[in-house]
Amino acid sequence: MARCGAPTKAGGRCRRPVVTGTSRCPVHQGQWSAYGVAQRKEKEAKEKKRKIRKKR
């Protein structure tokens, strides 16, 4: 299994598994990567559904 390898604050390397199709883990992807954008869109869709259910 591939590991992230991004530099950490402690000076070592990240040992978390990478996201499929990328070279970094979810923590080190960044918010504008394809993974980060997909996660944000999914979260926003859930919140939107929740708001609609509350109104009814």
PDB file of N, CA and C in Angstrom:
ATOM      1  N   MET A   1       0.848  -1.181   0.000  1.00  0.00           N
ATOM      2  CA  MET A   1       0.000   0.000   0.000  1.00  0.00           C
ATOM      3  C   MET A   1       0.891   1.240   0.000  1.00  0.00           C
ATOM      4  N   ALA A   2       0.563   2.195  -0.834  1.00  0.00           N
ATOM      5  CA  ALA A   2       1.354   3.423  -0.945  1.00  0.00           C
ATOM      6  C   ALA A   2       1.082   4.342   0.245  1.00  0.00           C
ATOM      7  N   ARG A   3       2.100   5.044   0.653  1.00  0.00           N
ATOM      8  CA  ARG A   3       2.011   5.989   1.773  1.00  0.00           C
ATOM      9  C   ARG A   3       2.150   7.414   1.264  1.00  0.00           C
ATOM     10  N   CYS A   4       1.617   8.368   1.986  1.00  0.00           N
ATOM     11  CA  CYS A   4       1.589   9.778   1.597  1.00  0.00           C
ATOM     12  C   CYS A   4       2.998  10.362   1.456  1.00  0.00           C
ATOM     13  N   GLY A   5       3.762  10.359   2.520  1.00  0.00           N
ATOM     14  CA  GLY A   5       5.130  10.859   2.451  1.00  0.00           C
ATOM     15  C   GLY A   5       5.277  12.362   2.541  1.00  0.00           C
ATOM     16  N   ALA A   6       4.214  13.092   2.790  1.00  0.00           N
ATOM     17  CA  ALA A   6       4.309  14.549   2.916  1.00  0.00           C
ATOM     18  C   ALA A   6       5.064  14.910   4.197  1.00  0.00           C
ATOM     19  N   PRO A   7       5.846  16.002   4.184  1.00  0.00           N
ATOM     20  CA  PRO A   7       6.555  16.409   5.399  1.00  0.00           C
ATOM     21  C   PRO A   7       5.556  16.832   6.485  1.00  0.00           C
ATOM     22  N   THR A   8       5.810  16.444   7.712  1.00  0.00           N
ATOM     23  CA  THR A   8       4.929  16.789   8.819  1.00  0.00           C
ATOM     24  C   THR A   8       5.568  17.866   9.687  1.00  0.00           C
ATOM     25  N   LYS A   9       4.787  18.448  10.588  1.00  0.00           N
ATOM     26  CA  LYS A   9       5.299  19.479  11.493  1.00  0.00           C
ATOM     27  C   LYS A   9       6.383  18.927  12.410  1.00  0.00           C
ATOM     28  N   ALA A  10       6.298  17.642  12.726  1.00  0.00           N
ATOM     29  CA  ALA A  10       7.275  17.013  13.603  1.00  0.00           C
ATOM     30  C   ALA A  10       8.599  16.725  12.885  1.00  0.00           C
ATOM     31  N   GLY A  11       8.634  16.945  11.579  1.00  0.00           N
ATOM     32  CA  GLY A  11       9.859  16.746  10.829  1.00  0.00           C
ATOM     33  C   GLY A  11       9.959  15.410  10.128  1.00  0.00           C
ATOM     34  N   GLY A  12       9.045  14.515  10.381  1.00  0.00           N
ATOM     35  CA  GLY A  12       9.051  13.203   9.736  1.00  0.00           C
ATOM     36  C   GLY A  12       8.236  13.220   8.455  1.00  0.00           C
ATOM     37  N   ARG A  13       7.869  12.043   8.022  1.00  0.00           N
ATOM     38  CA  ARG A  13       7.040  11.897   6.829  1.00  0.00           C
ATOM     39  C   ARG A  13       5.702  11.289   7.210  1.00  0.00           C
ATOM     40  N   CYS A  14       4.628  11.722   6.545  1.00  0.00           N
ATOM     41  CA  CYS A  14       3.284  11.187   6.789  1.00  0.00           C
ATOM     42  C   CYS A  14       3.251   9.729   6.360  1.00  0.00           C
ATOM     43  N   ARG A  15       2.615   8.893   7.178  1.00  0.00           N
ATOM     44  CA  ARG A  15       2.562   7.453   6.887  1.00  0.00           C
ATOM     45  C   ARG A  15       1.151   6.979   6.569  1.00  0.00           C
ATOM     46  N   ARG A  16       0.218   7.926   6.394  1.00  0.00           N
ATOM     47  CA  ARG A  16      -1.155   7.549   6.057  1.00  0.00           C
ATOM     48  C   ARG A  16      -1.246   7.027   4.629  1.00  0.00           C
ATOM     49  N   PRO A  17      -2.221   6.147   4.347  1.00  0.00           N
ATOM     50  CA  PRO A  17      -2.389   5.645   2.978  1.00  0.00           C
ATOM     51  C   PRO A  17      -2.892   6.751   2.049  1.00  0.00           C
ATOM     52  N   VAL A  18      -2.511   6.684   0.798  1.00  0.00           N
ATOM     53  CA  VAL A  18      -2.901   7.699  -0.184  1.00  0.00           C
ATOM     54  C   VAL A  18      -4.331   7.486  -0.660  1.00  0.00           C
ATOM     55  N   VAL A  19      -4.926   8.543  -1.222  1.00  0.00           N
ATOM     56  CA  VAL A  19      -6.241   8.473  -1.844  1.00  0.00           C
ATOM     57  C   VAL A  19      -6.042   7.850  -3.224  1.00  0.00           C
ATOM     58  N   THR A  20      -6.923   6.973  -3.632  1.00  0.00           N
ATOM     59  CA  THR A  20      -6.810   6.300  -4.919  1.00  0.00           C
ATOM     60  C   THR A  20      -6.715   7.321  -6.049  1.00  0.00           C
ATOM     61  N   GLY A  21      -5.700   7.164  -6.884  1.00  0.00           N
ATOM     62  CA  GLY A  21      -5.510   8.053  -8.027  1.00  0.00           C
ATOM     63  C   GLY A  21      -4.694   9.295  -7.726  1.00  0.00           C
ATOM     64  N   THR A  22      -4.191   9.447  -6.516  1.00  0.00           N
ATOM     65  CA  THR A  22      -3.372  10.608  -6.164  1.00  0.00           C
ATOM     66  C   THR A  22      -2.123  10.141  -5.437  1.00  0.00           C
ATOM     67  N   SER A  23      -1.308  11.093  -5.015  1.00  0.00           N
ATOM     68  CA  SER A  23      -0.088  10.732  -4.313  1.00  0.00           C
ATOM     69  C   SER A  23      -0.104  11.182  -2.857  1.00  0.00           C
ATOM     70  N   ARG A  24      -1.235  11.717  -2.370  1.00  0.00           N
ATOM     71  CA  ARG A  24      -1.312  12.230  -1.003  1.00  0.00           C
ATOM     72  C   ARG A  24      -2.542  11.688  -0.278  1.00  0.00           C
ATOM     73  N   CYS A  25      -2.475  11.737   1.057  1.00  0.00           N
ATOM     74  CA  CYS A  25      -3.604  11.314   1.888  1.00  0.00           C
ATOM     75  C   CYS A  25      -4.628  12.454   1.945  1.00  0.00           C
ATOM     76  N   PRO A  26      -5.817  12.217   2.490  1.00  0.00           N
ATOM     77  CA  PRO A  26      -6.836  13.268   2.561  1.00  0.00           C
ATOM     78  C   PRO A  26      -6.380  14.498   3.341  1.00  0.00           C
ATOM     79  N   VAL A  27      -5.542  14.312   4.338  1.00  0.00           N
ATOM     80  CA  VAL A  27      -5.073  15.439   5.157  1.00  0.00           C
ATOM     81  C   VAL A  27      -4.155  16.358   4.349  1.00  0.00           C
ATOM     82  N   HIS A  28      -3.325  15.787   3.494  1.00  0.00           N
ATOM     83  CA  HIS A  28      -2.335  16.568   2.763  1.00  0.00           C
ATOM     84  C   HIS A  28      -2.732  16.875   1.326  1.00  0.00           C
ATOM     85  N   GLN A  29      -3.954  16.546   0.942  1.00  0.00           N
ATOM     86  CA  GLN A  29      -4.423  16.829  -0.408  1.00  0.00           C
ATOM     87  C   GLN A  29      -4.600  18.322  -0.650  1.00  0.00           C
ATOM     88  N   GLY A  30      -5.120  19.026   0.341  1.00  0.00           N
ATOM     89  CA  GLY A  30      -5.455  20.433   0.136  1.00  0.00           C
ATOM     90  C   GLY A  30      -6.921  20.556  -0.241  1.00  0.00           C
ATOM     91  N   GLN A  31      -7.504  21.686   0.077  1.00  0.00           N
ATOM     92  CA  GLN A  31      -8.941  21.841  -0.117  1.00  0.00           C
ATOM     93  C   GLN A  31      -9.345  22.019  -1.583  1.00  0.00           C
ATOM     94  N   TRP A  32      -8.420  22.360  -2.480  1.00  0.00           N
ATOM     95  CA  TRP A  32      -8.789  22.564  -3.879  1.00  0.00           C
ATOM     96  C   TRP A  32      -8.400  21.398  -4.772  1.00  0.00           C
ATOM     97  N   SER A  33      -7.965  20.297  -4.190  1.00  0.00           N
ATOM     98  CA  SER A  33      -7.710  19.105  -4.994  1.00  0.00           C
ATOM     99  C   SER A  33      -9.054  18.487  -5.390  1.00  0.00           C
ATOM    100  N   ALA A  34      -9.020  17.581  -6.325  1.00  0.00           N
ATOM    101  CA  ALA A  34     -10.258  16.923  -6.760  1.00  0.00           C
ATOM    102  C   ALA A  34     -10.938  16.219  -5.593  1.00  0.00           C
ATOM    103  N   TYR A  35     -10.133  15.592  -4.735  1.00  0.00           N
ATOM    104  CA  TYR A  35     -10.682  14.908  -3.571  1.00  0.00           C
ATOM    105  C   TYR A  35     -11.334  15.902  -2.617  1.00  0.00           C
ATOM    106  N   GLY A  36     -10.675  17.005  -2.340  1.00  0.00           N
ATOM    107  CA  GLY A  36     -11.212  18.011  -1.420  1.00  0.00           C
ATOM    108  C   GLY A  36     -12.501  18.631  -1.929  1.00  0.00           C
ATOM    109  N   VAL A  37     -12.538  18.920  -3.214  1.00  0.00           N
ATOM    110  CA  VAL A  37     -13.741  19.510  -3.820  1.00  0.00           C
ATOM    111  C   VAL A  37     -14.903  18.521  -3.755  1.00  0.00           C
ATOM    112  N   ALA A  38     -14.639  17.253  -4.047  1.00  0.00           N
ATOM    113  CA  ALA A  38     -15.693  16.236  -4.004  1.00  0.00           C
ATOM    114  C   ALA A  38     -16.236  16.088  -2.583  1.00  0.00           C
ATOM    115  N   GLN A  39     -15.348  16.095  -1.589  1.00  0.00           N
ATOM    116  CA  GLN A  39     -15.784  15.982  -0.194  1.00  0.00           C
ATOM    117  C   GLN A  39     -16.648  17.177   0.195  1.00  0.00           C
ATOM    118  N   ARG A  40     -16.244  18.382  -0.216  1.00  0.00           N
ATOM    119  CA  ARG A  40     -16.989  19.589   0.127  1.00  0.00           C
ATOM    120  C   ARG A  40     -18.367  19.582  -0.531  1.00  0.00           C
ATOM    121  N   LYS A  41     -18.438  19.178  -1.802  1.00  0.00           N
ATOM    122  CA  LYS A  41     -19.729  19.129  -2.499  1.00  0.00           C
ATOM    123  C   LYS A  41     -20.666  18.125  -1.840  1.00  0.00           C
ATOM    124  N   GLU A  42     -20.127  16.993  -1.440  1.00  0.00           N
ATOM    125  CA  GLU A  42     -20.932  15.972  -0.772  1.00  0.00           C
ATOM    126  C   GLU A  42     -21.483  16.503   0.550  1.00  0.00           C
ATOM    127  N   LYS A  43     -20.653  17.195   1.312  1.00  0.00           N
ATOM    128  CA  LYS A  43     -21.066  17.759   2.587  1.00  0.00           C
ATOM    129  C   LYS A  43     -22.146  18.825   2.389  1.00  0.00           C
ATOM    130  N   GLU A  44     -21.962  19.687   1.384  1.00  0.00           N
ATOM    131  CA  GLU A  44     -22.951  20.729   1.111  1.00  0.00           C
ATOM    132  C   GLU A  44     -24.292  20.135   0.689  1.00  0.00           C
ATOM    133  N   ALA A  45     -24.266  19.053  -0.086  1.00  0.00           N
ATOM    134  CA  ALA A  45     -25.506  18.403  -0.517  1.00  0.00           C
ATOM    135  C   ALA A  45     -26.254  17.830   0.685  1.00  0.00           C
ATOM    136  N   LYS A  46     -25.524  17.231   1.628  1.00  0.00           N
ATOM    137  CA  LYS A  46     -26.159  16.688   2.830  1.00  0.00           C
ATOM    138  C   LYS A  46     -26.791  17.797   3.667  1.00  0.00           C
ATOM    139  N   GLU A  47     -26.080  18.922   3.797  1.00  0.00           N
ATOM    140  CA  GLU A  47     -26.619  20.042   4.565  1.00  0.00           C
ATOM    141  C   GLU A  47     -27.869  20.612   3.903  1.00  0.00           C
ATOM    142  N   LYS A  48     -27.872  20.675   2.579  1.00  0.00           N
ATOM    143  CA  LYS A  48     -29.021  21.190   1.850  1.00  0.00           C
ATOM    144  C   LYS A  48     -30.243  20.292   2.071  1.00  0.00           C
ATOM    145  N   LYS A  49     -30.039  18.975   2.021  1.00  0.00           N
ATOM    146  CA  LYS A  49     -31.139  18.038   2.268  1.00  0.00           C
ATOM    147  C   LYS A  49     -31.674  18.196   3.683  1.00  0.00           C
ATOM    148  N   ARG A  50     -30.764  18.389   4.625  1.00  0.00           N
ATOM    149  CA  ARG A  50     -31.151  18.549   6.026  1.00  0.00           C
ATOM    150  C   ARG A  50     -32.019  19.799   6.210  1.00  0.00           C
ATOM    151  N   LYS A  51     -31.645  20.898   5.544  1.00  0.00           N
ATOM    152  CA  LYS A  51     -32.419  22.133   5.647  1.00  0.00           C
ATOM    153  C   LYS A  51     -33.815  21.954   5.059  1.00  0.00           C
ATOM    154  N   ILE A  52     -33.894  21.252   3.922  1.00  0.00           N
ATOM    155  CA  ILE A  52     -35.188  21.026   3.287  1.00  0.00           C
ATOM    156  C   ILE A  52     -36.089  20.193   4.197  1.00  0.00           C
ATOM    157  N   ARG A  53     -35.535  19.190   4.849  1.00  0.00           N
ATOM    158  CA  ARG A  53     -36.314  18.343   5.744  1.00  0.00           C
ATOM    159  C   ARG A  53     -36.802  19.126   6.961  1.00  0.00           C
ATOM    160  N   LYS A  54     -35.997  20.058   7.457  1.00  0.00           N
ATOM    161  CA  LYS A  54     -36.400  20.855   8.613  1.00  0.00           C
ATOM    162  C   LYS A  54     -37.586  21.758   8.290  1.00  0.00           C
ATOM    163  N   LYS A  55     -37.644  22.280   7.057  1.00  0.00           N
ATOM    164  CA  LYS A  55     -38.717  23.191   6.668  1.00  0.00           C
ATOM    165  C   LYS A  55     -40.065  22.513   6.597  1.00  0.00           C
ATOM    166  N   ARG A  56     -40.070  21.216   6.339  1.00  0.00           N
ATOM    167  CA  ARG A  56     -41.344  20.501   6.187  1.00  0.00           C
ATOM    168  C   ARG A  56     -41.990  20.219   7.485  1.00  0.00           C
TER     169      ARG A  56
END
